[in-house]
PDB file of N, CA and C in Angstrom:
ATOM      1  N   MET A   1      15.658  16.285   2.921  1.00  0.00           N
ATOM      2  CA  MET A   1      15.123  15.405   1.670  1.00  0.00           C
ATOM      3  C   MET A   1      16.258  14.369   1.244  1.00  0.00           C
ATOM      4  N   PHE A   2      16.227  13.385   1.172  1.00  0.00           N
ATOM      5  CA  PHE A   2      17.150  12.246   0.800  1.00  0.00           C
ATOM      6  C   PHE A   2      18.591  12.307   1.607  1.00  0.00           C
ATOM      7  N   GLY A   3      18.351  12.856   2.851  1.00  0.00           N
ATOM      8  CA  GLY A   3      19.412  12.991   3.750  1.00  0.00           C
ATOM      9  C   GLY A   3      20.329  14.262   3.436  1.00  0.00           C
ATOM     10  N   TYR A   4      19.858  15.146   2.624  1.00  0.00           N
ATOM     11  CA  TYR A   4      20.635  16.420   2.187  1.00  0.00           C
ATOM     12  C   TYR A   4      20.017  17.618   2.998  1.00  0.00           C
ATOM     13  N   ASP A   5      20.805  18.451   3.071  1.00  0.00           N
ATOM     14  CA  ASP A   5      20.449  19.880   3.437  1.00  0.00           C
ATOM     15  C   ASP A   5      19.720  20.608   2.547  1.00  0.00           C
ATOM     16  N   LEU A   6      18.543  20.981   2.740  1.00  0.00           N
ATOM     17  CA  LEU A   6      17.609  21.746   1.700  1.00  0.00           C
ATOM     18  C   LEU A   6      18.450  23.150   1.172  1.00  0.00           C
ATOM     19  N   ASP A   7      19.070  23.736   2.269  1.00  0.00           N
ATOM     20  CA  ASP A   7      19.723  24.933   1.888  1.00  0.00           C
ATOM     21  C   ASP A   7      21.200  24.468   0.932  1.00  0.00           C
ATOM     22  N   GLY A   8      21.471  23.394   0.898  1.00  0.00           N
ATOM     23  CA  GLY A   8      22.732  22.994   0.279  1.00  0.00           C
ATOM     24  C   GLY A   8      22.743  23.304  -1.317  1.00  0.00           C
ATOM     25  N   ASP A   9      23.785  23.266  -1.729  1.00  0.00           N
ATOM     26  CA  ASP A   9      23.967  23.412  -3.039  1.00  0.00           C
ATOM     27  C   ASP A   9      23.687  22.252  -4.122  1.00  0.00           C
ATOM     28  N   VAL A  10      22.960  22.395  -5.246  1.00  0.00           N
ATOM     29  CA  VAL A  10      22.867  21.278  -6.047  1.00  0.00           C
ATOM     30  C   VAL A  10      23.914  21.317  -6.874  1.00  0.00           C
ATOM     31  N   ASP A  11      25.043  20.714  -6.640  1.00  0.00           N
ATOM     32  CA  ASP A  11      26.377  20.564  -7.193  1.00  0.00           C
ATOM     33  C   ASP A  11      26.502  19.194  -7.962  1.00  0.00           C
ATOM     34  N   ASP A  12      27.632  19.052  -8.539  1.00  0.00           N
ATOM     35  CA  ASP A  12      28.059  17.730  -9.114  1.00  0.00           C
ATOM     36  C   ASP A  12      28.010  16.586  -8.194  1.00  0.00           C
ATOM     37  N   GLU A  13      28.590  16.869  -6.779  1.00  0.00           N
ATOM     38  CA  GLU A  13      28.627  15.907  -5.902  1.00  0.00           C
ATOM     39  C   GLU A  13      27.301  15.631  -5.482  1.00  0.00           C
ATOM     40  N   PHE A  14      26.350  16.443  -5.314  1.00  0.00           N
ATOM     41  CA  PHE A  14      24.987  16.071  -4.911  1.00  0.00           C
ATOM     42  C   PHE A  14      24.424  15.064  -6.043  1.00  0.00           C
ATOM     43  N   LEU A  15      24.291  15.642  -7.174  1.00  0.00           N
ATOM     44  CA  LEU A  15      23.674  14.803  -8.372  1.00  0.00           C
ATOM     45  C   LEU A  15      24.448  13.513  -8.487  1.00  0.00           C
ATOM     46  N   ALA A  16      25.674  13.359  -8.162  1.00  0.00           N
ATOM     47  CA  ALA A  16      26.482  12.008  -8.413  1.00  0.00           C
ATOM     48  C   ALA A  16      26.279  11.181  -7.112  1.00  0.00           C
ATOM     49  N   ALA A  17      25.566  11.540  -5.992  1.00  0.00           N
ATOM     50  CA  ALA A  17      25.666  10.788  -4.796  1.00  0.00           C
ATOM     51  C   ALA A  17      24.550   9.592  -5.096  1.00  0.00           C
ATOM     52  N   GLU A  18      25.088   8.369  -4.730  1.00  0.00           N
ATOM     53  CA  GLU A  18      24.449   7.129  -4.698  1.00  0.00           C
ATOM     54  C   GLU A  18      22.942   7.084  -4.364  1.00  0.00           C
ATOM     55  N   LYS A  19      22.795   7.741  -3.121  1.00  0.00           N
ATOM     56  CA  LYS A  19      21.326   7.606  -2.579  1.00  0.00           C
ATOM     57  C   LYS A  19      20.402   8.649  -3.535  1.00  0.00           C
ATOM     58  N   PHE A  20      20.997   9.887  -4.060  1.00  0.00           N
ATOM     59  CA  PHE A  20      20.200  10.516  -4.890  1.00  0.00           C
ATOM     60  C   PHE A  20      20.073   9.922  -5.988  1.00  0.00           C
ATOM     61  N   VAL A  21      21.228   9.385  -6.816  1.00  0.00           N
ATOM     62  CA  VAL A  21      20.920   8.744  -8.038  1.00  0.00           C
ATOM     63  C   VAL A  21      19.762   7.514  -8.113  1.00  0.00           C
ATOM     64  N   ALA A  22      19.977   6.748  -6.778  1.00  0.00           N
ATOM     65  CA  ALA A  22      19.014   5.745  -6.961  1.00  0.00           C
ATOM     66  C   ALA A  22      17.523   6.301  -6.674  1.00  0.00           C
ATOM     67  N   HIS A  23      17.161   7.421  -5.715  1.00  0.00           N
ATOM     68  CA  HIS A  23      15.899   7.876  -5.678  1.00  0.00           C
ATOM     69  C   HIS A  23      15.365   8.600  -7.253  1.00  0.00           C
ATOM     70  N   ALA A  24      16.443   9.086  -7.934  1.00  0.00           N
ATOM     71  CA  ALA A  24      16.106   9.550  -9.307  1.00  0.00           C
ATOM     72  C   ALA A  24      15.592   8.595 -10.114  1.00  0.00           C
ATOM     73  N   MET A  25      16.353   7.470 -10.076  1.00  0.00           N
ATOM     74  CA  MET A  25      15.834   6.561 -11.128  1.00  0.00           C
ATOM     75  C   MET A  25      14.461   5.976 -10.625  1.00  0.00           C
ATOM     76  N   GLN A  26      14.262   5.730  -9.386  1.00  0.00           N
ATOM     77  CA  GLN A  26      12.845   5.348  -8.872  1.00  0.00           C
ATOM     78  C   GLN A  26      11.742   6.534  -9.497  1.00  0.00           C
ATOM     79  N   LEU A  27      12.107   7.649  -9.343  1.00  0.00           N
ATOM     80  CA  LEU A  27      11.084   8.701  -9.710  1.00  0.00           C
ATOM     81  C   LEU A  27      11.005   8.474 -11.216  1.00  0.00           C
ATOM     82  N   ILE A  28      11.842   8.586 -11.944  1.00  0.00           N
ATOM     83  CA  ILE A  28      11.745   8.342 -13.380  1.00  0.00           C
ATOM     84  C   ILE A  28      11.020   7.068 -13.738  1.00  0.00           C
ATOM     85  N   SER A  29      11.167   5.840 -13.023  1.00  0.00           N
ATOM     86  CA  SER A  29      10.452   4.665 -13.320  1.00  0.00           C
ATOM     87  C   SER A  29       8.968   4.922 -12.655  1.00  0.00           C
ATOM     88  N   MET A  30       8.724   5.714 -11.887  1.00  0.00           N
ATOM     89  CA  MET A  30       7.294   6.016 -11.567  1.00  0.00           C
ATOM     90  C   MET A  30       6.581   6.740 -12.597  1.00  0.00           C
ATOM     91  N   PHE A  31       7.163   7.879 -13.159  1.00  0.00           N
ATOM     92  CA  PHE A  31       6.837   8.403 -14.422  1.00  0.00           C
ATOM     93  C   PHE A  31       6.453   7.596 -15.498  1.00  0.00           C
ATOM     94  N   ASP A  32       7.374   6.723 -15.764  1.00  0.00           N
ATOM     95  CA  ASP A  32       7.328   5.687 -16.890  1.00  0.00           C
ATOM     96  C   ASP A  32       5.939   4.886 -16.620  1.00  0.00           C
ATOM     97  N   LYS A  33       5.752   4.512 -15.449  1.00  0.00           N
ATOM     98  CA  LYS A  33       4.643   3.640 -15.100  1.00  0.00           C
ATOM     99  C   LYS A  33       3.391   4.400 -15.083  1.00  0.00           C
ATOM    100  N   ALA A  34       3.489   5.597 -14.720  1.00  0.00           N
ATOM    101  CA  ALA A  34       2.223   6.381 -14.737  1.00  0.00           C
ATOM    102  C   ALA A  34       1.806   6.807 -16.193  1.00  0.00           C
ATOM    103  N   LEU A  35       2.839   6.931 -16.942  1.00  0.00           N
ATOM    104  CA  LEU A  35       2.389   7.291 -18.430  1.00  0.00           C
ATOM    105  C   LEU A  35       2.019   6.052 -19.321  1.00  0.00           C
ATOM    106  N   SER A  36       2.343   4.734 -18.625  1.00  0.00           N
ATOM    107  CA  SER A  36       2.062   3.443 -19.394  1.00  0.00           C
ATOM    108  C   SER A  36       0.581   3.238 -18.884  1.00  0.00           C
ATOM    109  N   MET A  37       0.049   3.953 -17.754  1.00  0.00           N
ATOM    110  CA  MET A  37      -1.424   3.703 -17.393  1.00  0.00           C
ATOM    111  C   MET A  37      -2.301   4.641 -17.974  1.00  0.00           C
ATOM    112  N   ILE A  38      -1.799   5.575 -18.887  1.00  0.00           N
ATOM    113  CA  ILE A  38      -2.865   6.528 -19.572  1.00  0.00           C
ATOM    114  C   ILE A  38      -3.782   5.620 -20.421  1.00  0.00           C
ATOM    115  N   GLY A  39      -4.808   5.890 -20.140  1.00  0.00           N
ATOM    116  CA  GLY A  39      -5.899   4.987 -21.068  1.00  0.00           C
ATOM    117  C   GLY A  39      -6.022   5.775 -22.316  1.00  0.00           C
ATOM    118  N   GLU A  40      -7.084   5.113 -23.045  1.00  0.00           N
ATOM    119  CA  GLU A  40      -7.443   5.710 -24.487  1.00  0.00           C
ATOM    120  C   GLU A  40      -8.186   7.172 -24.254  1.00  0.00           C
ATOM    121  N   ASP A  41      -8.677   7.301 -23.034  1.00  0.00           N
ATOM    122  CA  ASP A  41      -9.349   8.653 -22.831  1.00  0.00           C
ATOM    123  C   ASP A  41      -8.345   9.698 -22.373  1.00  0.00           C
ATOM    124  N   GLY A  42      -7.329   9.217 -22.165  1.00  0.00           N
ATOM    125  CA  GLY A  42      -6.309  10.284 -21.725  1.00  0.00           C
ATOM    126  C   GLY A  42      -6.129  10.464 -20.137  1.00  0.00           C
ATOM    127  N   LEU A  43      -6.954   9.579 -19.511  1.00  0.00           N
ATOM    128  CA  LEU A  43      -6.944   9.792 -18.063  1.00  0.00           C
ATOM    129  C   LEU A  43      -5.946   8.812 -17.355  1.00  0.00           C
ATOM    130  N   LEU A  44      -5.396   9.401 -16.363  1.00  0.00           N
ATOM    131  CA  LEU A  44      -4.451   8.705 -15.437  1.00  0.00           C
ATOM    132  C   LEU A  44      -5.114   7.766 -14.265  1.00  0.00           C
ATOM    133  N   ILE A  45      -4.519   6.775 -14.082  1.00  0.00           N
ATOM    134  CA  ILE A  45      -5.224   6.025 -12.951  1.00  0.00           C
ATOM    135  C   ILE A  45      -5.221   6.714 -11.643  1.00  0.00           C
ATOM    136  N   ASP A  46      -6.248   7.381 -11.343  1.00  0.00           N
ATOM    137  CA  ASP A  46      -6.430   8.589 -10.293  1.00  0.00           C
ATOM    138  C   ASP A  46      -6.073   7.869  -8.909  1.00  0.00           C
ATOM    139  N   GLU A  47      -6.573   6.820  -8.564  1.00  0.00           N
ATOM    140  CA  GLU A  47      -6.502   6.334  -7.211  1.00  0.00           C
ATOM    141  C   GLU A  47      -5.113   6.180  -7.061  1.00  0.00           C
ATOM    142  N   GLN A  48      -4.140   5.405  -7.780  1.00  0.00           N
ATOM    143  CA  GLN A  48      -2.889   5.041  -7.661  1.00  0.00           C
ATOM    144  C   GLN A  48      -2.184   6.456  -7.200  1.00  0.00           C
ATOM    145  N   ILE A  49      -2.468   7.280  -8.245  1.00  0.00           N
ATOM    146  CA  ILE A  49      -1.612   8.538  -7.987  1.00  0.00           C
ATOM    147  C   ILE A  49      -2.026   9.248  -6.512  1.00  0.00           C
ATOM    148  N   LYS A  50      -3.379   9.199  -6.091  1.00  0.00           N
ATOM    149  CA  LYS A  50      -3.536   9.886  -4.855  1.00  0.00           C
ATOM    150  C   LYS A  50      -2.935   9.008  -3.816  1.00  0.00           C
ATOM    151  N   GLU A  51      -2.956   7.684  -3.940  1.00  0.00           N
ATOM    152  CA  GLU A  51      -2.316   6.914  -2.793  1.00  0.00           C
ATOM    153  C   GLU A  51      -0.827   7.047  -2.736  1.00  0.00           C
ATOM    154  N   LEU A  52       0.134   7.436  -3.829  1.00  0.00           N
ATOM    155  CA  LEU A  52       1.420   7.630  -3.830  1.00  0.00           C
ATOM    156  C   LEU A  52       1.646   9.091  -3.366  1.00  0.00           C
ATOM    157  N   GLY A  53       0.522  10.118  -3.503  1.00  0.00           N
ATOM    158  CA  GLY A  53       0.940  11.312  -2.784  1.00  0.00           C
ATOM    159  C   GLY A  53       0.766  11.293  -1.304  1.00  0.00           C
ATOM    160  N   ALA A  54      -0.339  10.414  -1.005  1.00  0.00           N
ATOM    161  CA  ALA A  54      -0.383  10.356   0.703  1.00  0.00           C
ATOM    162  C   ALA A  54       0.526   9.569   1.256  1.00  0.00           C
ATOM    163  N   LYS A  55       1.421   8.585   0.608  1.00  0.00           N
ATOM    164  CA  LYS A  55       2.561   8.225   1.155  1.00  0.00           C
ATOM    165  C   LYS A  55       3.566   9.099   1.298  1.00  0.00           C
ATOM    166  N   HIS A  56       3.851   9.938   0.225  1.00  0.00           N
ATOM    167  CA  HIS A  56       4.744  11.004   0.460  1.00  0.00           C
ATOM    168  C   HIS A  56       4.538  12.173   1.278  1.00  0.00           C
ATOM    169  N   VAL A  57       3.378  12.260   1.768  1.00  0.00           N
ATOM    170  CA  VAL A  57       2.852  13.187   2.838  1.00  0.00           C
ATOM    171  C   VAL A  57       3.391  12.822   3.986  1.00  0.00           C
ATOM    172  N   ASN A  58       3.182  11.416   4.307  1.00  0.00           N
ATOM    173  CA  ASN A  58       3.611  10.612   5.563  1.00  0.00           C
ATOM    174  C   ASN A  58       5.190  10.572   5.546  1.00  0.00           C
ATOM    175  N   TYR A  59       5.782  10.734   4.333  1.00  0.00           N
ATOM    176  CA  TYR A  59       7.292  10.723   4.467  1.00  0.00           C
ATOM    177  C   TYR A  59       7.726  12.164   4.810  1.00  0.00           C
ATOM    178  N   GLY A  60       7.018  13.132   4.975  1.00  0.00           N
ATOM    179  CA  GLY A  60       7.422  14.418   5.186  1.00  0.00           C
ATOM    180  C   GLY A  60       7.707  15.354   4.104  1.00  0.00           C
ATOM    181  N   VAL A  61       7.353  14.820   2.898  1.00  0.00           N
ATOM    182  CA  VAL A  61       7.694  15.756   1.597  1.00  0.00           C
ATOM    183  C   VAL A  61       6.844  17.075   1.700  1.00  0.00           C
ATOM    184  N   GLN A  62       7.432  18.305   1.549  1.00  0.00           N
ATOM    185  CA  GLN A  62       6.815  19.460   1.648  1.00  0.00           C
ATOM    186  C   GLN A  62       6.797  20.101   0.359  1.00  0.00           C
ATOM    187  N   ALA A  63       5.948  21.060   0.222  1.00  0.00           N
ATOM    188  CA  ALA A  63       5.903  21.799  -1.290  1.00  0.00           C
ATOM    189  C   ALA A  63       7.102  22.359  -1.565  1.00  0.00           C
ATOM    190  N   GLU A  64       7.972  22.848  -0.724  1.00  0.00           N
ATOM    191  CA  GLU A  64       9.206  23.698  -0.891  1.00  0.00           C
ATOM    192  C   GLU A  64      10.218  22.758  -1.389  1.00  0.00           C
ATOM    193  N   MET A  65      10.109  21.323  -1.420  1.00  0.00           N
ATOM    194  CA  MET A  65      11.027  20.591  -1.908  1.00  0.00           C
ATOM    195  C   MET A  65      10.889  20.356  -3.332  1.00  0.00           C
ATOM    196  N   PHE A  66       9.780  20.795  -3.811  1.00  0.00           N
ATOM    197  CA  PHE A  66       9.463  20.362  -5.454  1.00  0.00           C
ATOM    198  C   PHE A  66      10.481  21.157  -6.249  1.00  0.00           C
ATOM    199  N   PRO A  67      10.919  22.369  -6.111  1.00  0.00           N
ATOM    200  CA  PRO A  67      11.962  23.034  -7.028  1.00  0.00           C
ATOM    201  C   PRO A  67      13.261  22.026  -7.018  1.00  0.00           C
ATOM    202  N   ILE A  68      13.685  21.626  -5.706  1.00  0.00           N
ATOM    203  CA  ILE A  68      14.758  21.022  -5.730  1.00  0.00           C
ATOM    204  C   ILE A  68      14.677  19.651  -6.612  1.00  0.00           C
ATOM    205  N   VAL A  69      13.698  18.999  -6.576  1.00  0.00           N
ATOM    206  CA  VAL A  69      13.482  17.679  -6.976  1.00  0.00           C
ATOM    207  C   VAL A  69      13.620  17.966  -8.693  1.00  0.00           C
ATOM    208  N   SER A  70      12.849  18.962  -9.239  1.00  0.00           N
ATOM    209  CA  SER A  70      12.846  19.276 -10.423  1.00  0.00           C
ATOM    210  C   SER A  70      14.177  19.658 -11.173  1.00  0.00           C
ATOM    211  N   GLU A  71      14.855  20.251 -10.268  1.00  0.00           N
ATOM    212  CA  GLU A  71      16.208  20.712 -10.828  1.00  0.00           C
ATOM    213  C   GLU A  71      17.013  19.597 -11.081  1.00  0.00           C
TER     214      GLU A  71
END
């Protein structure tokens, strides 16, 4: 994931890596966009979220990667 070993440590070097920081900024931007799409009824734009999920499946994202991203 992001060119890093999934079994590697999430240390200061990992968190400071340019590639990781760029992806983290894209992730935060995506959350910002998703939150801005919440309508008055509180529902997200469902289709765009599903399309984004499908793209990430094609990128090879796996469920076991989620804890690393959240950390």
